[in-house]
Amino acid sequence: MNLMTTITGVVLAGGKARRMGGVDKGLLELNGKPLWQHVADALMTQLSHVVVNA
């Protein structure tokens, strides 16, 4: 019997960024990587699959 469970995480990276003056905050870089990548990397350590919806 296979007890492995597949869990998928979703990063919601959409919106008009009105409070950011139209700048897409998901594409802003922190330590050389876009913010969405930091979130996806953190999720990938805990989940089977990660999907980014932009």
PDB file of N, CA and C in Angstrom:
ATOM      1  N   MET A   1       0.845  -1.180   0.000  1.00  0.00           N
ATOM      2  CA  MET A   1       0.000   0.000   0.000  1.00  0.00           C
ATOM      3  C   MET A   1       0.890   1.244   0.000  1.00  0.00           C
ATOM      4  N   ASN A   2       0.585   2.200  -0.867  1.00  0.00           N
ATOM      5  CA  ASN A   2       1.343   3.435  -0.976  1.00  0.00           C
ATOM      6  C   ASN A   2       0.702   4.501  -0.090  1.00  0.00           C
ATOM      7  N   LEU A   3       1.446   4.972   0.898  1.00  0.00           N
ATOM      8  CA  LEU A   3       0.913   5.979   1.815  1.00  0.00           C
ATOM      9  C   LEU A   3       1.322   7.397   1.428  1.00  0.00           C
ATOM     10  N   MET A   4       1.993   7.536   0.287  1.00  0.00           N
ATOM     11  CA  MET A   4       2.407   8.862  -0.165  1.00  0.00           C
ATOM     12  C   MET A   4       1.180   9.684  -0.564  1.00  0.00           C
ATOM     13  N   THR A   5       1.147  10.909  -0.116  1.00  0.00           N
ATOM     14  CA  THR A   5       0.058  11.818  -0.439  1.00  0.00           C
ATOM     15  C   THR A   5       0.602  12.943  -1.309  1.00  0.00           C
ATOM     16  N   THR A   6      -0.117  13.265  -2.354  1.00  0.00           N
ATOM     17  CA  THR A   6       0.271  14.375  -3.217  1.00  0.00           C
ATOM     18  C   THR A   6      -0.470  15.620  -2.764  1.00  0.00           C
ATOM     19  N   ILE A   7       0.293  16.647  -2.425  1.00  0.00           N
ATOM     20  CA  ILE A   7      -0.291  17.915  -2.002  1.00  0.00           C
ATOM     21  C   ILE A   7       0.265  19.005  -2.911  1.00  0.00           C
ATOM     22  N   THR A   8      -0.629  19.803  -3.471  1.00  0.00           N
ATOM     23  CA  THR A   8      -0.237  20.882  -4.372  1.00  0.00           C
ATOM     24  C   THR A   8      -0.496  22.224  -3.705  1.00  0.00           C
ATOM     25  N   GLY A   9       0.489  23.110  -3.760  1.00  0.00           N
ATOM     26  CA  GLY A   9       0.334  24.472  -3.259  1.00  0.00           C
ATOM     27  C   GLY A   9       0.189  25.428  -4.424  1.00  0.00           C
ATOM     28  N   VAL A  10      -0.545  26.514  -4.210  1.00  0.00           N
ATOM     29  CA  VAL A  10      -0.761  27.511  -5.255  1.00  0.00           C
ATOM     30  C   VAL A  10      -0.310  28.873  -4.738  1.00  0.00           C
ATOM     31  N   VAL A  11       0.546  29.530  -5.504  1.00  0.00           N
ATOM     32  CA  VAL A  11       0.956  30.899  -5.203  1.00  0.00           C
ATOM     33  C   VAL A  11       0.095  31.810  -6.069  1.00  0.00           C
ATOM     34  N   LEU A  12      -0.741  32.615  -5.434  1.00  0.00           N
ATOM     35  CA  LEU A  12      -1.592  33.563  -6.161  1.00  0.00           C
ATOM     36  C   LEU A  12      -0.800  34.852  -6.354  1.00  0.00           C
ATOM     37  N   ALA A  13      -0.428  35.134  -7.578  1.00  0.00           N
ATOM     38  CA  ALA A  13       0.447  36.271  -7.867  1.00  0.00           C
ATOM     39  C   ALA A  13      -0.213  37.226  -8.851  1.00  0.00           C
ATOM     40  N   GLY A  14      -1.451  37.568  -8.591  1.00  0.00           N
ATOM     41  CA  GLY A  14      -2.162  38.458  -9.504  1.00  0.00           C
ATOM     42  C   GLY A  14      -2.616  39.718  -8.799  1.00  0.00           C
ATOM     43  N   GLY A  15      -3.171  40.601  -9.535  1.00  0.00           N
ATOM     44  CA  GLY A  15      -3.690  41.837  -8.967  1.00  0.00           C
ATOM     45  C   GLY A  15      -3.161  43.037  -9.723  1.00  0.00           C
ATOM     46  N   LYS A  16      -3.740  44.183  -9.439  1.00  0.00           N
ATOM     47  CA  LYS A  16      -3.380  45.395 -10.167  1.00  0.00           C
ATOM     48  C   LYS A  16      -2.255  46.183  -9.509  1.00  0.00           C
ATOM     49  N   ALA A  17      -1.851  45.825  -8.302  1.00  0.00           N
ATOM     50  CA  ALA A  17      -0.749  46.488  -7.584  1.00  0.00           C
ATOM     51  C   ALA A  17      -0.991  47.990  -7.431  1.00  0.00           C
ATOM     52  N   ARG A  18      -2.240  48.369  -7.186  1.00  0.00           N
ATOM     53  CA  ARG A  18      -2.557  49.797  -7.043  1.00  0.00           C
ATOM     54  C   ARG A  18      -1.782  50.436  -5.899  1.00  0.00           C
ATOM     55  N   ARG A  19      -1.644  49.733  -4.787  1.00  0.00           N
ATOM     56  CA  ARG A  19      -0.935  50.308  -3.640  1.00  0.00           C
ATOM     57  C   ARG A  19       0.567  50.387  -3.872  1.00  0.00           C
ATOM     58  N   MET A  20       1.056  49.662  -4.880  1.00  0.00           N
ATOM     59  CA  MET A  20       2.483  49.683  -5.215  1.00  0.00           C
ATOM     60  C   MET A  20       2.754  50.626  -6.386  1.00  0.00           C
ATOM     61  N   GLY A  21       1.772  51.432  -6.758  1.00  0.00           N
ATOM     62  CA  GLY A  21       1.944  52.357  -7.869  1.00  0.00           C
ATOM     63  C   GLY A  21       2.040  51.659  -9.214  1.00  0.00           C
ATOM     64  N   GLY A  22       1.434  50.484  -9.327  1.00  0.00           N
ATOM     65  CA  GLY A  22       1.441  49.744 -10.582  1.00  0.00           C
ATOM     66  C   GLY A  22       2.620  48.808 -10.756  1.00  0.00           C
ATOM     67  N   VAL A  23       3.552  48.793  -9.796  1.00  0.00           N
ATOM     68  CA  VAL A  23       4.718  47.905  -9.868  1.00  0.00           C
ATOM     69  C   VAL A  23       4.304  46.518  -9.395  1.00  0.00           C
ATOM     70  N   ASP A  24       4.595  45.509 -10.180  1.00  0.00           N
ATOM     71  CA  ASP A  24       4.246  44.133  -9.825  1.00  0.00           C
ATOM     72  C   ASP A  24       5.151  43.660  -8.692  1.00  0.00           C
ATOM     73  N   LYS A  25       4.600  43.561  -7.481  1.00  0.00           N
ATOM     74  CA  LYS A  25       5.432  43.206  -6.327  1.00  0.00           C
ATOM     75  C   LYS A  25       5.984  41.792  -6.405  1.00  0.00           C
ATOM     76  N   GLY A  26       5.328  40.910  -7.132  1.00  0.00           N
ATOM     77  CA  GLY A  26       5.848  39.555  -7.294  1.00  0.00           C
ATOM     78  C   GLY A  26       7.142  39.509  -8.075  1.00  0.00           C
ATOM     79  N   LEU A  27       7.378  40.537  -8.888  1.00  0.00           N
ATOM     80  CA  LEU A  27       8.606  40.587  -9.681  1.00  0.00           C
ATOM     81  C   LEU A  27       9.715  41.395  -9.019  1.00  0.00           C
ATOM     82  N   LEU A  28       9.402  42.064  -7.897  1.00  0.00           N
ATOM     83  CA  LEU A  28      10.449  42.777  -7.165  1.00  0.00           C
ATOM     84  C   LEU A  28      11.460  41.767  -6.642  1.00  0.00           C
ATOM     85  N   GLU A  29      12.733  42.139  -6.662  1.00  0.00           N
ATOM     86  CA  GLU A  29      13.766  41.198  -6.243  1.00  0.00           C
ATOM     87  C   GLU A  29      14.191  41.413  -4.802  1.00  0.00           C
ATOM     88  N   LEU A  30      14.485  40.310  -4.144  1.00  0.00           N
ATOM     89  CA  LEU A  30      15.038  40.289  -2.802  1.00  0.00           C
ATOM     90  C   LEU A  30      16.180  39.290  -2.828  1.00  0.00           C
ATOM     91  N   ASN A  31      17.377  39.739  -2.513  1.00  0.00           N
ATOM     92  CA  ASN A  31      18.567  38.876  -2.554  1.00  0.00           C
ATOM     93  C   ASN A  31      18.731  38.190  -3.909  1.00  0.00           C
ATOM     94  N   GLY A  32      18.453  38.928  -4.992  1.00  0.00           N
ATOM     95  CA  GLY A  32      18.693  38.418  -6.335  1.00  0.00           C
ATOM     96  C   GLY A  32      17.617  37.520  -6.920  1.00  0.00           C
ATOM     97  N   LYS A  33      16.507  37.318  -6.188  1.00  0.00           N
ATOM     98  CA  LYS A  33      15.412  36.482  -6.693  1.00  0.00           C
ATOM     99  C   LYS A  33      14.104  37.244  -6.578  1.00  0.00           C
ATOM    100  N   PRO A  34      13.182  37.047  -7.540  1.00  0.00           N
ATOM    101  CA  PRO A  34      11.870  37.686  -7.416  1.00  0.00           C
ATOM    102  C   PRO A  34      11.111  37.140  -6.206  1.00  0.00           C
ATOM    103  N   LEU A  35      10.246  37.957  -5.629  1.00  0.00           N
ATOM    104  CA  LEU A  35       9.514  37.557  -4.423  1.00  0.00           C
ATOM    105  C   LEU A  35       8.712  36.278  -4.621  1.00  0.00           C
ATOM    106  N   TRP A  36       8.081  36.106  -5.807  1.00  0.00           N
ATOM    107  CA  TRP A  36       7.291  34.889  -6.032  1.00  0.00           C
ATOM    108  C   TRP A  36       8.172  33.644  -5.916  1.00  0.00           C
ATOM    109  N   GLN A  37       9.447  33.750  -6.313  1.00  0.00           N
ATOM    110  CA  GLN A  37      10.347  32.594  -6.252  1.00  0.00           C
ATOM    111  C   GLN A  37      10.672  32.230  -4.804  1.00  0.00           C
ATOM    112  N   HIS A  38      10.813  33.235  -3.935  1.00  0.00           N
ATOM    113  CA  HIS A  38      11.044  32.965  -2.512  1.00  0.00           C
ATOM    114  C   HIS A  38       9.872  32.174  -1.928  1.00  0.00           C
ATOM    115  N   VAL A  39       8.653  32.588  -2.280  1.00  0.00           N
ATOM    116  CA  VAL A  39       7.455  31.896  -1.782  1.00  0.00           C
ATOM    117  C   VAL A  39       7.402  30.476  -2.327  1.00  0.00           C
ATOM    118  N   ALA A  40       7.608  30.309  -3.627  1.00  0.00           N
ATOM    119  CA  ALA A  40       7.565  28.979  -4.244  1.00  0.00           C
ATOM    120  C   ALA A  40       8.640  28.071  -3.663  1.00  0.00           C
ATOM    121  N   ASP A  41       9.844  28.594  -3.454  1.00  0.00           N
ATOM    122  CA  ASP A  41      10.929  27.788  -2.879  1.00  0.00           C
ATOM    123  C   ASP A  41      10.570  27.300  -1.481  1.00  0.00           C
ATOM    124  N   ALA A  42       9.967  28.181  -0.676  1.00  0.00           N
ATOM    125  CA  ALA A  42       9.569  27.792   0.681  1.00  0.00           C
ATOM    126  C   ALA A  42       8.498  26.707   0.642  1.00  0.00           C
ATOM    127  N   LEU A  43       7.544  26.824  -0.277  1.00  0.00           N
ATOM    128  CA  LEU A  43       6.485  25.817  -0.387  1.00  0.00           C
ATOM    129  C   LEU A  43       7.021  24.478  -0.881  1.00  0.00           C
ATOM    130  N   MET A  44       7.996  24.510  -1.792  1.00  0.00           N
ATOM    131  CA  MET A  44       8.511  23.271  -2.380  1.00  0.00           C
ATOM    132  C   MET A  44       9.189  22.366  -1.354  1.00  0.00           C
ATOM    133  N   THR A  45       9.610  22.924  -0.223  1.00  0.00           N
ATOM    134  CA  THR A  45      10.213  22.084   0.810  1.00  0.00           C
ATOM    135  C   THR A  45       9.164  21.270   1.558  1.00  0.00           C
ATOM    136  N   GLN A  46       7.882  21.652   1.432  1.00  0.00           N
ATOM    137  CA  GLN A  46       6.819  21.004   2.188  1.00  0.00           C
ATOM    138  C   GLN A  46       5.770  20.299   1.333  1.00  0.00           C
ATOM    139  N   LEU A  47       5.717  20.617   0.035  1.00  0.00           N
ATOM    140  CA  LEU A  47       4.637  20.132  -0.820  1.00  0.00           C
ATOM    141  C   LEU A  47       5.161  19.308  -1.986  1.00  0.00           C
ATOM    142  N   SER A  48       4.275  18.534  -2.581  1.00  0.00           N
ATOM    143  CA  SER A  48       4.627  17.715  -3.738  1.00  0.00           C
ATOM    144  C   SER A  48       4.749  18.546  -5.008  1.00  0.00           C
ATOM    145  N   HIS A  49       3.859  19.516  -5.188  1.00  0.00           N
ATOM    146  CA  HIS A  49       3.828  20.351  -6.381  1.00  0.00           C
ATOM    147  C   HIS A  49       3.514  21.790  -5.983  1.00  0.00           C
ATOM    148  N   VAL A  50       4.064  22.732  -6.743  1.00  0.00           N
ATOM    149  CA  VAL A  50       3.760  24.145  -6.535  1.00  0.00           C
ATOM    150  C   VAL A  50       3.382  24.741  -7.884  1.00  0.00           C
ATOM    151  N   VAL A  51       2.270  25.478  -7.899  1.00  0.00           N
ATOM    152  CA  VAL A  51       1.779  26.139  -9.104  1.00  0.00           C
ATOM    153  C   VAL A  51       1.740  27.634  -8.829  1.00  0.00           C
ATOM    154  N   VAL A  52       2.216  28.433  -9.785  1.00  0.00           N
ATOM    155  CA  VAL A  52       2.134  29.888  -9.668  1.00  0.00           C
ATOM    156  C   VAL A  52       1.052  30.360 -10.625  1.00  0.00           C
ATOM    157  N   ASN A  53       0.056  31.070 -10.085  1.00  0.00           N
ATOM    158  CA  ASN A  53      -1.049  31.602 -10.882  1.00  0.00           C
ATOM    159  C   ASN A  53      -0.896  33.111 -10.929  1.00  0.00           C
ATOM    160  N   ALA A  54      -0.532  33.630 -12.094  1.00  0.00           N
ATOM    161  CA  ALA A  54      -0.306  35.074 -12.219  1.00  0.00           C
ATOM    162  C   ALA A  54      -1.250  35.670 -13.231  1.00  0.00           C
TER     163      ALA A  54
END
